[in-house]
N, C-alpha and C. Protein backbone atom coordinates (compact mmCIF):
# COMPACT_ATOMS: atom_id res chain seq x y z
N MET A 1 14.72 15.86 0.57
CA MET A 1 13.57 15.06 0.39
C MET A 1 13.84 13.90 1.54
N GLY A 2 12.52 13.48 1.95
CA GLY A 2 12.57 12.46 3.03
C GLY A 2 12.44 11.15 2.51
N LYS A 3 12.67 10.07 3.24
CA LYS A 3 12.49 8.67 2.81
C LYS A 3 11.58 8.16 3.94
N ILE A 4 10.74 7.26 3.48
CA ILE A 4 9.90 6.38 4.36
C ILE A 4 9.97 4.93 3.87
N THR A 5 9.84 4.03 4.89
CA THR A 5 9.85 2.55 4.75
C THR A 5 8.37 2.16 4.64
N VAL A 6 7.99 1.47 3.45
CA VAL A 6 6.73 0.89 3.35
C VAL A 6 6.67 -0.59 3.08
N TYR A 7 5.51 -1.24 3.32
CA TYR A 7 5.58 -2.67 3.17
C TYR A 7 4.41 -3.17 2.33
N HIS A 8 4.61 -4.16 1.69
CA HIS A 8 3.49 -4.86 0.69
C HIS A 8 3.35 -6.25 1.04
N GLY A 9 2.09 -6.61 1.59
CA GLY A 9 1.90 -8.10 1.82
C GLY A 9 1.43 -8.85 0.62
N SER A 10 1.97 -10.04 0.26
CA SER A 10 1.75 -10.74 -0.81
C SER A 10 2.10 -12.26 -0.60
N ASN A 11 1.84 -12.98 -1.61
CA ASN A 11 2.24 -14.38 -1.54
C ASN A 11 3.62 -14.75 -2.58
N VAL A 12 4.12 -13.62 -2.99
CA VAL A 12 5.41 -13.58 -3.83
C VAL A 12 6.23 -12.48 -3.34
N GLU A 13 7.51 -12.56 -3.77
CA GLU A 13 8.42 -11.39 -3.60
C GLU A 13 8.07 -10.51 -4.83
N VAL A 14 8.10 -9.22 -4.69
CA VAL A 14 7.87 -8.29 -5.61
C VAL A 14 9.03 -7.23 -5.52
N ALA A 15 10.06 -7.50 -6.51
CA ALA A 15 11.29 -6.79 -6.47
C ALA A 15 11.08 -5.48 -7.11
N HIS A 16 10.24 -5.42 -8.11
CA HIS A 16 10.07 -4.11 -8.86
C HIS A 16 8.40 -3.96 -9.19
N PRO A 17 7.91 -3.26 -8.05
CA PRO A 17 6.38 -2.97 -8.06
C PRO A 17 6.02 -2.24 -9.37
N ARG A 18 4.72 -2.67 -9.83
CA ARG A 18 4.20 -2.08 -10.95
C ARG A 18 2.75 -2.11 -10.84
N ILE A 19 2.10 -1.12 -11.44
CA ILE A 19 0.53 -0.94 -11.30
C ILE A 19 0.01 -1.75 -12.40
N LEU A 20 -0.85 -2.80 -12.05
CA LEU A 20 -1.54 -3.65 -12.86
C LEU A 20 -2.89 -3.11 -13.40
N GLN A 21 -3.32 -3.58 -14.48
CA GLN A 21 -4.49 -3.07 -15.02
C GLN A 21 -5.78 -3.86 -14.67
N ASN A 22 -5.73 -4.38 -13.51
CA ASN A 22 -7.04 -5.00 -12.92
C ASN A 22 -7.13 -4.82 -11.46
N GLY A 23 -8.26 -5.07 -10.77
CA GLY A 23 -8.20 -4.80 -9.34
C GLY A 23 -9.33 -3.95 -9.00
N PHE A 24 -10.51 -4.04 -9.65
CA PHE A 24 -11.66 -3.16 -9.24
C PHE A 24 -12.17 -3.55 -7.81
N TYR A 25 -11.88 -4.82 -7.41
CA TYR A 25 -12.37 -5.32 -6.23
C TYR A 25 -11.53 -4.60 -4.96
N LYS A 26 -10.58 -3.80 -5.25
CA LYS A 26 -9.96 -3.26 -4.24
C LYS A 26 -10.53 -1.90 -3.78
N ASP A 27 -10.33 -1.45 -2.55
CA ASP A 27 -10.95 -0.24 -2.08
C ASP A 27 -10.76 0.94 -2.95
N PHE A 28 -9.61 1.19 -3.51
CA PHE A 28 -9.33 2.37 -4.26
C PHE A 28 -9.04 2.09 -5.76
N GLY A 29 -9.49 0.99 -6.20
CA GLY A 29 -9.32 0.55 -7.58
C GLY A 29 -7.84 0.07 -7.91
N TYR A 30 -7.27 0.53 -9.13
CA TYR A 30 -6.17 0.02 -9.44
C TYR A 30 -5.02 0.72 -8.53
N GLY A 31 -3.93 -0.01 -8.38
CA GLY A 31 -2.67 0.49 -7.66
C GLY A 31 -1.84 -0.56 -7.09
N PHE A 32 -0.74 -0.19 -6.44
CA PHE A 32 0.05 -1.13 -5.70
C PHE A 32 -0.10 -0.73 -4.23
N TYR A 33 -0.73 -1.43 -3.36
CA TYR A 33 -1.10 -1.17 -2.04
C TYR A 33 0.11 -1.32 -1.09
N CYS A 34 0.42 -0.42 -0.28
CA CYS A 34 1.39 -0.42 0.63
C CYS A 34 0.98 0.13 1.97
N THR A 35 1.66 -0.02 2.90
CA THR A 35 1.42 0.32 4.34
C THR A 35 2.75 0.61 4.88
N SER A 36 2.61 1.75 5.90
CA SER A 36 3.94 1.97 6.76
C SER A 36 3.98 1.08 7.81
N LEU A 37 2.88 0.26 8.08
CA LEU A 37 2.94 -0.79 9.14
C LEU A 37 3.31 -2.21 8.73
N GLU A 38 4.40 -2.71 9.24
CA GLU A 38 4.65 -3.92 8.82
C GLU A 38 3.86 -4.99 9.22
N ARG A 39 3.18 -4.89 10.39
CA ARG A 39 2.16 -5.74 10.97
C ARG A 39 0.95 -5.95 10.01
N GLN A 40 0.57 -4.67 9.58
CA GLN A 40 -0.62 -4.76 8.60
C GLN A 40 -0.27 -5.50 7.30
N ALA A 41 0.94 -5.22 6.80
CA ALA A 41 1.34 -5.99 5.60
C ALA A 41 1.44 -7.44 5.85
N LYS A 42 1.82 -7.93 6.88
CA LYS A 42 1.73 -9.34 7.40
C LYS A 42 0.32 -9.88 7.33
N ARG A 43 -0.58 -9.02 7.89
CA ARG A 43 -2.04 -9.54 7.60
C ARG A 43 -2.45 -9.73 6.32
N TRP A 44 -2.11 -8.67 5.51
CA TRP A 44 -2.48 -8.73 4.04
C TRP A 44 -1.84 -9.99 3.33
N ALA A 45 -0.69 -10.27 3.68
CA ALA A 45 -0.01 -11.48 3.16
C ALA A 45 -0.72 -12.78 3.55
N LEU A 46 -1.10 -12.81 4.63
CA LEU A 46 -1.88 -14.05 5.16
C LEU A 46 -3.21 -14.40 4.49
N THR A 47 -3.81 -13.28 3.89
CA THR A 47 -4.91 -13.64 3.13
C THR A 47 -4.84 -14.10 1.70
N ARG A 48 -3.61 -14.26 1.27
CA ARG A 48 -3.34 -14.78 -0.06
C ARG A 48 -3.00 -16.23 -0.06
N LYS A 49 -3.22 -17.04 -0.98
CA LYS A 49 -2.80 -18.51 -1.03
C LYS A 49 -1.32 -18.69 -1.16
N GLY A 50 -0.80 -19.62 -0.62
CA GLY A 50 0.71 -19.96 -0.73
C GLY A 50 1.42 -19.32 0.36
N GLU A 51 2.70 -18.99 0.12
CA GLU A 51 3.53 -18.43 1.08
C GLU A 51 3.05 -16.93 1.42
N SER A 52 3.53 -16.51 2.58
CA SER A 52 3.26 -15.22 3.09
C SER A 52 4.60 -14.46 2.85
N VAL A 53 4.56 -13.44 2.09
CA VAL A 53 5.62 -12.65 2.02
C VAL A 53 5.43 -11.11 2.30
N VAL A 54 6.38 -10.44 3.12
CA VAL A 54 6.25 -9.04 3.35
C VAL A 54 7.27 -8.40 2.55
N ASN A 55 7.13 -7.64 1.59
CA ASN A 55 8.01 -6.92 0.70
C ASN A 55 8.29 -5.61 1.44
N LYS A 56 9.43 -5.10 1.49
CA LYS A 56 9.90 -3.90 2.06
C LYS A 56 10.50 -3.04 1.13
N TYR A 57 10.12 -1.61 1.02
CA TYR A 57 10.54 -0.61 0.14
C TYR A 57 10.94 0.56 0.88
N VAL A 58 11.84 1.16 0.31
CA VAL A 58 12.15 2.66 0.84
C VAL A 58 11.70 3.62 -0.22
N TYR A 59 10.82 4.36 0.09
CA TYR A 59 10.17 5.37 -0.84
C TYR A 59 10.81 6.76 -0.54
N VAL A 60 11.35 7.33 -1.53
CA VAL A 60 11.97 8.51 -1.67
C VAL A 60 10.90 9.58 -2.04
N GLU A 61 10.62 10.52 -1.12
CA GLU A 61 9.52 11.51 -1.53
C GLU A 61 9.90 12.30 -2.80
N ASN A 62 8.89 12.60 -3.53
CA ASN A 62 8.96 13.15 -4.80
C ASN A 62 8.01 14.36 -4.78
N GLU A 63 8.61 15.42 -4.93
CA GLU A 63 7.72 16.79 -4.93
C GLU A 63 6.64 16.85 -6.14
N HIS A 64 6.74 15.94 -7.06
CA HIS A 64 5.90 16.03 -8.27
C HIS A 64 4.69 15.07 -8.06
N VAL A 65 4.65 14.32 -6.93
CA VAL A 65 3.72 13.26 -6.61
C VAL A 65 2.75 13.97 -5.67
N ASN A 66 1.49 13.83 -5.84
CA ASN A 66 0.52 14.38 -4.96
C ASN A 66 0.06 13.29 -4.09
N ILE A 67 0.36 13.47 -2.67
CA ILE A 67 0.14 12.46 -1.74
C ILE A 67 -0.86 13.05 -0.74
N ARG A 68 -1.98 12.20 -0.31
CA ARG A 68 -2.71 12.60 0.77
C ARG A 68 -2.35 11.64 1.86
N ASP A 69 -2.03 12.26 3.16
CA ASP A 69 -1.58 11.48 4.19
C ASP A 69 -2.51 11.62 5.35
N PHE A 70 -3.16 10.54 5.70
CA PHE A 70 -4.08 10.61 6.88
C PHE A 70 -3.56 9.91 7.99
N HIS A 71 -3.27 10.57 9.07
CA HIS A 71 -2.61 10.06 10.27
C HIS A 71 -3.54 9.10 11.23
N GLU A 72 -4.93 9.40 10.91
CA GLU A 72 -5.82 8.60 11.63
C GLU A 72 -7.24 8.60 10.88
N MET A 73 -8.00 7.78 11.25
CA MET A 73 -9.60 7.74 10.58
C MET A 73 -10.16 9.07 11.34
N SER A 74 -10.59 9.78 10.36
CA SER A 74 -11.39 10.91 10.71
C SER A 74 -12.46 11.16 9.60
N ASP A 75 -13.30 12.11 9.87
CA ASP A 75 -14.30 12.57 8.97
C ASP A 75 -13.64 12.80 7.61
N GLU A 76 -12.50 13.53 7.60
CA GLU A 76 -11.89 13.84 6.42
C GLU A 76 -11.41 12.63 5.57
N TRP A 77 -10.85 11.72 6.35
CA TRP A 77 -10.40 10.37 5.84
C TRP A 77 -11.58 9.74 5.22
N LEU A 78 -12.86 9.55 5.94
CA LEU A 78 -13.82 8.91 5.50
C LEU A 78 -14.46 9.58 4.23
N ASP A 79 -14.47 10.81 4.12
CA ASP A 79 -15.07 11.52 2.96
C ASP A 79 -14.19 11.23 1.70
N PHE A 80 -12.88 11.22 2.01
CA PHE A 80 -11.93 10.79 0.89
C PHE A 80 -12.23 9.28 0.46
N VAL A 81 -12.36 8.34 1.24
CA VAL A 81 -12.59 7.06 0.90
C VAL A 81 -13.95 6.84 0.26
N VAL A 82 -14.98 7.60 0.74
CA VAL A 82 -16.29 7.34 0.13
C VAL A 82 -16.23 7.98 -1.26
N GLU A 83 -15.63 9.13 -1.47
CA GLU A 83 -15.51 9.84 -2.82
C GLU A 83 -14.71 8.93 -3.79
């Protein structure tokens, strides 16, 4: 199994991420949003009040988790986002 580094931008350190039961204002609803781009996480952190914190995690792939990976914005990506 592979490992990937992901980042989460926030105004606090998040040592143990968990999915909260609010957040309808997010693009994809509930979730804990991460990116493989540290620069993008820094931008997310700057949108929050207070300190800017970029949390870093190593994700170990799990064959039981269904993941859609889009390497670029495409018609397929847009169809997924709209749905």
